[in-house]
Structures are given as structure tokens and as C-alpha cells.
Amino acid sequence: MKIAEAMNMYNIALYEIKNKGFEIALEMSDSKDEILFWVAKMHNLTVSAFNPLSLLALVEISEKYGENWNSLETGNIYDEILNSEM
């Protein structure tokens, strides 16, 4: 199987977010012609992202790690991968 980020993945991402009990809304520009953020809300948690796939990823991270997500010791995997490819 091969899977890639594309707009045809948006509905499954939104479906998963809704199945978790989140309400989904859009934050629009003042002129209402541009989506600024996709927003998922449940109880006291608000998650914002630029697209539904990123929104799902942030929902997953918030559910798994909660408010202390940034205290998890991960090392700097991002830079490690970038440096290994250069």
C-alpha cells in the first residue's frame, strides 16, 4: 500500500476527528474568501491547523500527550533527518 498527502484524504481525516467527538469549524478571513484555520474543539481543548490532515495529527498528539506534549524527550529527529539527507 502507498498513501500520500492529498486533498482526497481530507474527508477521512475530518471523519476521524468527528468520530473522536470534536466539533469542526473554519476560521475565515475578514472577507470570508479564504480559510485561515481548520479548528477542532472538544471540552476545553481547541486545536487549529492549516488543513484537515494537520488537524488530525494535532488532535492525535493532544490526545496522546495532553498539555505536556512539549516536555516529551524526543531529541531533534527533524534535524537528524535533514542532516542525513544533505
PDB file of N, CA and C in Angstrom:
ATOM      1  N   MET A   1       0.836  -1.178   0.000  1.00  0.00           N
ATOM      2  CA  MET A   1       0.000   0.000   0.000  1.00  0.00           C
ATOM      3  C   MET A   1       0.878   1.237   0.000  1.00  0.00           C
ATOM      4  N   LYS A   2       0.415   2.251  -0.692  1.00  0.00           N
ATOM      5  CA  LYS A   2       1.093   3.535  -0.710  1.00  0.00           C
ATOM      6  C   LYS A   2       0.049   4.600  -0.411  1.00  0.00           C
ATOM      7  N   ILE A   3       0.391   5.540   0.451  1.00  0.00           N
ATOM      8  CA  ILE A   3      -0.541   6.600   0.814  1.00  0.00           C
ATOM      9  C   ILE A   3       0.232   7.910   0.831  1.00  0.00           C
ATOM     10  N   ALA A   4      -0.399   8.995   0.404  1.00  0.00           N
ATOM     11  CA  ALA A   4       0.288  10.279   0.334  1.00  0.00           C
ATOM     12  C   ALA A   4      -0.659  11.402   0.742  1.00  0.00           C
ATOM     13  N   GLU A   5      -0.067  12.508   1.146  1.00  0.00           N
ATOM     14  CA  GLU A   5      -0.859  13.680   1.490  1.00  0.00           C
ATOM     15  C   GLU A   5      -1.460  14.266   0.219  1.00  0.00           C
ATOM     16  N   ALA A   6      -2.794  14.378   0.209  1.00  0.00           N
ATOM     17  CA  ALA A   6      -3.519  14.968  -0.913  1.00  0.00           C
ATOM     18  C   ALA A   6      -4.909  15.353  -0.418  1.00  0.00           C
ATOM     19  N   MET A   7      -5.571  16.194  -1.181  1.00  0.00           N
ATOM     20  CA  MET A   7      -6.898  16.653  -0.774  1.00  0.00           C
ATOM     21  C   MET A   7      -7.910  15.516  -0.679  1.00  0.00           C
ATOM     22  N   ASN A   8      -7.701  14.420  -1.403  1.00  0.00           N
ATOM     23  CA  ASN A   8      -8.649  13.313  -1.314  1.00  0.00           C
ATOM     24  C   ASN A   8      -8.565  12.583   0.027  1.00  0.00           C
ATOM     25  N   MET A   9      -7.625  12.973   0.862  1.00  0.00           N
ATOM     26  CA  MET A   9      -7.507  12.416   2.219  1.00  0.00           C
ATOM     27  C   MET A   9      -8.249  13.266   3.258  1.00  0.00           C
ATOM     28  N   TYR A  10      -8.701  14.453   2.873  1.00  0.00           N
ATOM     29  CA  TYR A  10      -9.306  15.378   3.832  1.00  0.00           C
ATOM     30  C   TYR A  10     -10.562  14.815   4.489  1.00  0.00           C
ATOM     31  N   ASN A  11     -11.442  14.179   3.709  1.00  0.00           N
ATOM     32  CA  ASN A  11     -12.687  13.680   4.300  1.00  0.00           C
ATOM     33  C   ASN A  11     -12.449  12.589   5.327  1.00  0.00           C
ATOM     34  N   ILE A  12     -11.513  11.687   5.093  1.00  0.00           N
ATOM     35  CA  ILE A  12     -11.238  10.636   6.080  1.00  0.00           C
ATOM     36  C   ILE A  12     -10.645  11.250   7.340  1.00  0.00           C
ATOM     37  N   ALA A  13      -9.813  12.284   7.185  1.00  0.00           N
ATOM     38  CA  ALA A  13      -9.254  12.962   8.354  1.00  0.00           C
ATOM     39  C   ALA A  13     -10.364  13.643   9.152  1.00  0.00           C
ATOM     40  N   LEU A  14     -11.249  14.347   8.479  1.00  0.00           N
ATOM     41  CA  LEU A  14     -12.356  15.015   9.163  1.00  0.00           C
ATOM     42  C   LEU A  14     -13.298  14.002   9.805  1.00  0.00           C
ATOM     43  N   TYR A  15     -13.526  12.893   9.134  1.00  0.00           N
ATOM     44  CA  TYR A  15     -14.352  11.810   9.683  1.00  0.00           C
ATOM     45  C   TYR A  15     -13.762  11.299  10.997  1.00  0.00           C
ATOM     46  N   GLU A  16     -12.459  11.071  11.018  1.00  0.00           N
ATOM     47  CA  GLU A  16     -11.797  10.576  12.232  1.00  0.00           C
ATOM     48  C   GLU A  16     -11.884  11.580  13.376  1.00  0.00           C
ATOM     49  N   ILE A  17     -11.697  12.849  13.058  1.00  0.00           N
ATOM     50  CA  ILE A  17     -11.775  13.895  14.084  1.00  0.00           C
ATOM     51  C   ILE A  17     -13.184  13.942  14.670  1.00  0.00           C
ATOM     52  N   LYS A  18     -14.205  13.898  13.818  1.00  0.00           N
ATOM     53  CA  LYS A  18     -15.588  13.917  14.288  1.00  0.00           C
ATOM     54  C   LYS A  18     -15.898  12.670  15.103  1.00  0.00           C
ATOM     55  N   ASN A  19     -15.381  11.521  14.696  1.00  0.00           N
ATOM     56  CA  ASN A  19     -15.599  10.277  15.444  1.00  0.00           C
ATOM     57  C   ASN A  19     -15.015  10.336  16.844  1.00  0.00           C
ATOM     58  N   LYS A  20     -14.013  11.154  17.043  1.00  0.00           N
ATOM     59  CA  LYS A  20     -13.413  11.314  18.363  1.00  0.00           C
ATOM     60  C   LYS A  20     -14.243  12.253  19.238  1.00  0.00           C
ATOM     61  N   GLY A  21     -15.275  12.868  18.673  1.00  0.00           N
ATOM     62  CA  GLY A  21     -16.160  13.727  19.441  1.00  0.00           C
ATOM     63  C   GLY A  21     -15.890  15.214  19.299  1.00  0.00           C
ATOM     64  N   PHE A  22     -15.016  15.598  18.400  1.00  0.00           N
ATOM     65  CA  PHE A  22     -14.694  17.005  18.198  1.00  0.00           C
ATOM     66  C   PHE A  22     -15.721  17.660  17.286  1.00  0.00           C
ATOM     67  N   GLU A  23     -15.965  18.938  17.526  1.00  0.00           N
ATOM     68  CA  GLU A  23     -16.707  19.762  16.587  1.00  0.00           C
ATOM     69  C   GLU A  23     -15.682  20.453  15.705  1.00  0.00           C
ATOM     70  N   ILE A  24     -15.973  20.569  14.434  1.00  0.00           N
ATOM     71  CA  ILE A  24     -15.030  21.161  13.491  1.00  0.00           C
ATOM     72  C   ILE A  24     -15.634  22.440  12.923  1.00  0.00           C
ATOM     73  N   ALA A  25     -14.820  23.469  12.876  1.00  0.00           N
ATOM     74  CA  ALA A  25     -15.251  24.755  12.319  1.00  0.00           C
ATOM     75  C   ALA A  25     -14.111  25.337  11.503  1.00  0.00           C
ATOM     76  N   LEU A  26     -14.432  26.391  10.782  1.00  0.00           N
ATOM     77  CA  LEU A  26     -13.433  27.107   9.996  1.00  0.00           C
ATOM     78  C   LEU A  26     -13.249  28.498  10.571  1.00  0.00           C
ATOM     79  N   GLU A  27     -12.010  28.970  10.583  1.00  0.00           N
ATOM     80  CA  GLU A  27     -11.728  30.369  10.874  1.00  0.00           C
ATOM     81  C   GLU A  27     -11.427  31.015   9.527  1.00  0.00           C
ATOM     82  N   MET A  28     -12.284  31.945   9.150  1.00  0.00           N
ATOM     83  CA  MET A  28     -12.210  32.549   7.827  1.00  0.00           C
ATOM     84  C   MET A  28     -11.588  33.942   7.887  1.00  0.00           C
ATOM     85  N   SER A  29     -11.086  34.400   6.755  1.00  0.00           N
ATOM     86  CA  SER A  29     -10.578  35.768   6.641  1.00  0.00           C
ATOM     87  C   SER A  29     -11.753  36.734   6.796  1.00  0.00           C
ATOM     88  N   ASP A  30     -11.447  37.997   7.047  1.00  0.00           N
ATOM     89  CA  ASP A  30     -12.497  39.003   7.206  1.00  0.00           C
ATOM     90  C   ASP A  30     -13.399  39.085   5.980  1.00  0.00           C
ATOM     91  N   SER A  31     -12.828  38.890   4.816  1.00  0.00           N
ATOM     92  CA  SER A  31     -13.622  38.949   3.585  1.00  0.00           C
ATOM     93  C   SER A  31     -14.349  37.631   3.297  1.00  0.00           C
ATOM     94  N   LYS A  32     -14.128  36.624   4.133  1.00  0.00           N
ATOM     95  CA  LYS A  32     -14.784  35.309   4.009  1.00  0.00           C
ATOM     96  C   LYS A  32     -14.437  34.568   2.723  1.00  0.00           C
ATOM     97  N   ASP A  33     -13.318  34.922   2.102  1.00  0.00           N
ATOM     98  CA  ASP A  33     -12.948  34.244   0.864  1.00  0.00           C
ATOM     99  C   ASP A  33     -11.726  33.344   1.016  1.00  0.00           C
ATOM    100  N   GLU A  34     -11.237  33.229   2.247  1.00  0.00           N
ATOM    101  CA  GLU A  34     -10.047  32.404   2.480  1.00  0.00           C
ATOM    102  C   GLU A  34     -10.154  31.715   3.839  1.00  0.00           C
ATOM    103  N   ILE A  35      -9.840  30.416   3.857  1.00  0.00           N
ATOM    104  CA  ILE A  35      -9.781  29.675   5.121  1.00  0.00           C
ATOM    105  C   ILE A  35      -8.445  29.987   5.780  1.00  0.00           C
ATOM    106  N   LEU A  36      -8.498  30.512   7.002  1.00  0.00           N
ATOM    107  CA  LEU A  36      -7.269  30.775   7.748  1.00  0.00           C
ATOM    108  C   LEU A  36      -6.841  29.539   8.524  1.00  0.00           C
ATOM    109  N   PHE A  37      -7.797  28.898   9.207  1.00  0.00           N
ATOM    110  CA  PHE A  37      -7.514  27.711  10.001  1.00  0.00           C
ATOM    111  C   PHE A  37      -8.707  26.776  10.018  1.00  0.00           C
ATOM    112  N   TRP A  38      -8.423  25.494  10.120  1.00  0.00           N
ATOM    113  CA  TRP A  38      -9.402  24.483  10.471  1.00  0.00           C
ATOM    114  C   TRP A  38      -9.301  24.339  11.980  1.00  0.00           C
ATOM    115  N   VAL A  39     -10.435  24.279  12.675  1.00  0.00           N
ATOM    116  CA  VAL A  39     -10.438  24.265  14.132  1.00  0.00           C
ATOM    117  C   VAL A  39     -11.273  23.083  14.626  1.00  0.00           C
ATOM    118  N   ALA A  40     -10.699  22.304  15.538  1.00  0.00           N
ATOM    119  CA  ALA A  40     -11.413  21.210  16.194  1.00  0.00           C
ATOM    120  C   ALA A  40     -11.526  21.551  17.670  1.00  0.00           C
ATOM    121  N   LYS A  41     -12.750  21.430  18.217  1.00  0.00           N
ATOM    122  CA  LYS A  41     -12.980  21.760  19.627  1.00  0.00           C
ATOM    123  C   LYS A  41     -13.705  20.626  20.321  1.00  0.00           C
ATOM    124  N   MET A  42     -13.249  20.342  21.541  1.00  0.00           N
ATOM    125  CA  MET A  42     -13.945  19.404  22.413  1.00  0.00           C
ATOM    126  C   MET A  42     -13.590  19.775  23.845  1.00  0.00           C
ATOM    127  N   HIS A  43     -14.611  19.999  24.663  1.00  0.00           N
ATOM    128  CA  HIS A  43     -14.438  20.411  26.055  1.00  0.00           C
ATOM    129  C   HIS A  43     -13.551  21.656  26.109  1.00  0.00           C
ATOM    130  N   ASN A  44     -12.430  21.592  26.813  1.00  0.00           N
ATOM    131  CA  ASN A  44     -11.553  22.772  26.942  1.00  0.00           C
ATOM    132  C   ASN A  44     -10.371  22.728  25.969  1.00  0.00           C
ATOM    133  N   LEU A  45     -10.425  21.849  24.983  1.00  0.00           N
ATOM    134  CA  LEU A  45      -9.337  21.700  24.023  1.00  0.00           C
ATOM    135  C   LEU A  45      -9.726  22.313  22.680  1.00  0.00           C
ATOM    136  N   THR A  46      -8.885  23.197  22.180  1.00  0.00           N
ATOM    137  CA  THR A  46      -9.049  23.771  20.847  1.00  0.00           C
ATOM    138  C   THR A  46      -7.775  23.514  20.065  1.00  0.00           C
ATOM    139  N   VAL A  47      -7.916  22.915  18.895  1.00  0.00           N
ATOM    140  CA  VAL A  47      -6.787  22.581  18.036  1.00  0.00           C
ATOM    141  C   VAL A  47      -6.988  23.305  16.704  1.00  0.00           C
ATOM    142  N   SER A  48      -5.944  23.976  16.218  1.00  0.00           N
ATOM    143  CA  SER A  48      -6.020  24.703  14.949  1.00  0.00           C
ATOM    144  C   SER A  48      -4.919  24.227  14.014  1.00  0.00           C
ATOM    145  N   ALA A  49      -5.250  24.180  12.720  1.00  0.00           N
ATOM    146  CA  ALA A  49      -4.268  23.759  11.715  1.00  0.00           C
ATOM    147  C   ALA A  49      -4.636  24.353  10.365  1.00  0.00           C
ATOM    148  N   PHE A  50      -3.689  24.292   9.440  1.00  0.00           N
ATOM    149  CA  PHE A  50      -3.897  24.847   8.104  1.00  0.00           C
ATOM    150  C   PHE A  50      -4.711  23.943   7.184  1.00  0.00           C
ATOM    151  N   ASN A  51      -4.791  22.645   7.502  1.00  0.00           N
ATOM    152  CA  ASN A  51      -5.572  21.725   6.672  1.00  0.00           C
ATOM    153  C   ASN A  51      -6.047  20.559   7.525  1.00  0.00           C
ATOM    154  N   PRO A  52      -7.021  19.775   7.053  1.00  0.00           N
ATOM    155  CA  PRO A  52      -7.572  18.675   7.842  1.00  0.00           C
ATOM    156  C   PRO A  52      -6.557  17.596   8.231  1.00  0.00           C
ATOM    157  N   LEU A  53      -5.576  17.326   7.406  1.00  0.00           N
ATOM    158  CA  LEU A  53      -4.590  16.302   7.754  1.00  0.00           C
ATOM    159  C   LEU A  53      -3.726  16.753   8.930  1.00  0.00           C
ATOM    160  N   SER A  54      -3.301  17.996   8.899  1.00  0.00           N
ATOM    161  CA  SER A  54      -2.533  18.535  10.020  1.00  0.00           C
ATOM    162  C   SER A  54      -3.402  18.612  11.274  1.00  0.00           C
ATOM    163  N   LEU A  55      -4.676  18.931  11.089  1.00  0.00           N
ATOM    164  CA  LEU A  55      -5.597  18.995  12.221  1.00  0.00           C
ATOM    165  C   LEU A  55      -5.703  17.634  12.900  1.00  0.00           C
ATOM    166  N   LEU A  56      -5.831  16.585  12.112  1.00  0.00           N
ATOM    167  CA  LEU A  56      -5.903  15.233  12.675  1.00  0.00           C
ATOM    168  C   LEU A  56      -4.623  14.888  13.423  1.00  0.00           C
ATOM    169  N   ALA A  57      -3.479  15.222  12.866  1.00  0.00           N
ATOM    170  CA  ALA A  57      -2.209  14.931  13.533  1.00  0.00           C
ATOM    171  C   ALA A  57      -2.132  15.639  14.878  1.00  0.00           C
ATOM    172  N   LEU A  58      -2.548  16.908  14.927  1.00  0.00           N
ATOM    173  CA  LEU A  58      -2.502  17.660  16.185  1.00  0.00           C
ATOM    174  C   LEU A  58      -3.520  17.141  17.195  1.00  0.00           C
ATOM    175  N   VAL A  59      -4.683  16.718  16.723  1.00  0.00           N
ATOM    176  CA  VAL A  59      -5.670  16.097  17.613  1.00  0.00           C
ATOM    177  C   VAL A  59      -5.073  14.836  18.238  1.00  0.00           C
ATOM    178  N   GLU A  60      -4.434  14.009  17.413  1.00  0.00           N
ATOM    179  CA  GLU A  60      -3.812  12.766  17.914  1.00  0.00           C
ATOM    180  C   GLU A  60      -2.737  13.066  18.956  1.00  0.00           C
ATOM    181  N   ILE A  61      -1.883  14.026  18.668  1.00  0.00           N
ATOM    182  CA  ILE A  61      -0.816  14.389  19.608  1.00  0.00           C
ATOM    183  C   ILE A  61      -1.415  14.909  20.910  1.00  0.00           C
ATOM    184  N   SER A  62      -2.426  15.767  20.817  1.00  0.00           N
ATOM    185  CA  SER A  62      -3.031  16.319  22.030  1.00  0.00           C
ATOM    186  C   SER A  62      -3.701  15.230  22.849  1.00  0.00           C
ATOM    187  N   GLU A  63      -4.334  14.273  22.206  1.00  0.00           N
ATOM    188  CA  GLU A  63      -4.971  13.173  22.938  1.00  0.00           C
ATOM    189  C   GLU A  63      -3.940  12.270  23.608  1.00  0.00           C
ATOM    190  N   LYS A  64      -2.863  12.010  22.917  1.00  0.00           N
ATOM    191  CA  LYS A  64      -1.864  11.083  23.449  1.00  0.00           C
ATOM    192  C   LYS A  64      -1.001  11.710  24.545  1.00  0.00           C
ATOM    193  N   TYR A  65      -0.606  12.977  24.368  1.00  0.00           N
ATOM    194  CA  TYR A  65       0.361  13.591  25.279  1.00  0.00           C
ATOM    195  C   TYR A  65      -0.204  14.717  26.132  1.00  0.00           C
ATOM    196  N   GLY A  66      -1.397  15.206  25.809  1.00  0.00           N
ATOM    197  CA  GLY A  66      -2.025  16.243  26.611  1.00  0.00           C
ATOM    198  C   GLY A  66      -1.243  17.539  26.623  1.00  0.00           C
ATOM    199  N   GLU A  67      -1.433  18.307  27.698  1.00  0.00           N
ATOM    200  CA  GLU A  67      -0.797  19.619  27.805  1.00  0.00           C
ATOM    201  C   GLU A  67       0.719  19.547  27.900  1.00  0.00           C
ATOM    202  N   ASN A  68       1.244  18.390  28.244  1.00  0.00           N
ATOM    203  CA  ASN A  68       2.693  18.243  28.400  1.00  0.00           C
ATOM    204  C   ASN A  68       3.366  17.684  27.156  1.00  0.00           C
ATOM    205  N   TRP A  69       2.724  17.855  26.003  1.00  0.00           N
ATOM    206  CA  TRP A  69       3.272  17.303  24.764  1.00  0.00           C
ATOM    207  C   TRP A  69       4.691  17.777  24.496  1.00  0.00           C
ATOM    208  N   ASN A  70       4.996  19.025  24.869  1.00  0.00           N
ATOM    209  CA  ASN A  70       6.324  19.567  24.550  1.00  0.00           C
ATOM    210  C   ASN A  70       7.384  19.231  25.590  1.00  0.00           C
ATOM    211  N   SER A  71       7.021  18.485  26.619  1.00  0.00           N
ATOM    212  CA  SER A  71       8.029  18.073  27.596  1.00  0.00           C
ATOM    213  C   SER A  71       8.546  16.659  27.305  1.00  0.00           C
ATOM    214  N   LEU A  72       8.004  16.021  26.284  1.00  0.00           N
ATOM    215  CA  LEU A  72       8.460  14.683  25.897  1.00  0.00           C
ATOM    216  C   LEU A  72       9.866  14.779  25.315  1.00  0.00           C
ATOM    217  N   GLU A  73      10.767  13.957  25.799  1.00  0.00           N
ATOM    218  CA  GLU A  73      12.148  13.937  25.303  1.00  0.00           C
ATOM    219  C   GLU A  73      12.199  13.160  23.988  1.00  0.00           C
ATOM    220  N   THR A  74      12.342  13.884  22.900  1.00  0.00           N
ATOM    221  CA  THR A  74      12.368  13.244  21.581  1.00  0.00           C
ATOM    222  C   THR A  74      13.717  13.369  20.892  1.00  0.00           C
ATOM    223  N   GLY A  75      14.577  14.228  21.429  1.00  0.00           N
ATOM    224  CA  GLY A  75      15.776  14.557  20.681  1.00  0.00           C
ATOM    225  C   GLY A  75      15.377  15.456  19.531  1.00  0.00           C
ATOM    226  N   ASN A  76      16.282  15.699  18.614  1.00  0.00           N
ATOM    227  CA  ASN A  76      15.964  16.558  17.476  1.00  0.00           C
ATOM    228  C   ASN A  76      15.940  15.707  16.204  1.00  0.00           C
ATOM    229  N   ILE A  77      14.906  14.898  16.102  1.00  0.00           N
ATOM    230  CA  ILE A  77      14.757  13.981  14.974  1.00  0.00           C
ATOM    231  C   ILE A  77      14.683  14.741  13.654  1.00  0.00           C
ATOM    232  N   TYR A  78      14.017  15.884  13.668  1.00  0.00           N
ATOM    233  CA  TYR A  78      13.871  16.710  12.465  1.00  0.00           C
ATOM    234  C   TYR A  78      15.238  17.042  11.880  1.00  0.00           C
ATOM    235  N   ASP A  79      16.119  17.611  12.700  1.00  0.00           N
ATOM    236  CA  ASP A  79      17.456  17.969  12.212  1.00  0.00           C
ATOM    237  C   ASP A  79      18.283  16.741  11.843  1.00  0.00           C
ATOM    238  N   GLU A  80      18.128  15.659  12.593  1.00  0.00           N
ATOM    239  CA  GLU A  80      18.862  14.429  12.280  1.00  0.00           C
ATOM    240  C   GLU A  80      18.528  13.951  10.871  1.00  0.00           C
ATOM    241  N   ILE A  81      17.243  13.963  10.532  1.00  0.00           N
ATOM    242  CA  ILE A  81      16.848  13.502   9.190  1.00  0.00           C
ATOM    243  C   ILE A  81      17.327  14.475   8.122  1.00  0.00           C
ATOM    244  N   LEU A  82      17.156  15.785   8.389  1.00  0.00           N
ATOM    245  CA  LEU A  82      17.626  16.775   7.415  1.00  0.00           C
ATOM    246  C   LEU A  82      19.118  16.643   7.165  1.00  0.00           C
ATOM    247  N   ASN A  83      19.878  16.489   8.227  1.00  0.00           N
ATOM    248  CA  ASN A  83      21.332  16.387   8.096  1.00  0.00           C
ATOM    249  C   ASN A  83      21.775  15.106   7.427  1.00  0.00           C
ATOM    250  N   SER A  84      21.010  14.028   7.603  1.00  0.00           N
ATOM    251  CA  SER A  84      21.393  12.757   6.977  1.00  0.00           C
ATOM    252  C   SER A  84      21.116  12.761   5.480  1.00  0.00           C
ATOM    253  N   GLU A  85      20.208  13.640   5.038  1.00  0.00           N
ATOM    254  CA  GLU A  85      19.851  13.699   3.616  1.00  0.00           C
ATOM    255  C   GLU A  85      20.733  14.667   2.834  1.00  0.00           C
ATOM    256  N   MET A  86      21.508  15.478   3.519  1.00  0.00           N
ATOM    257  CA  MET A  86      22.307  16.503   2.829  1.00  0.00           C
ATOM    258  C   MET A  86      23.718  16.033   2.599  1.00  0.00           C
TER     259      MET A  86
END
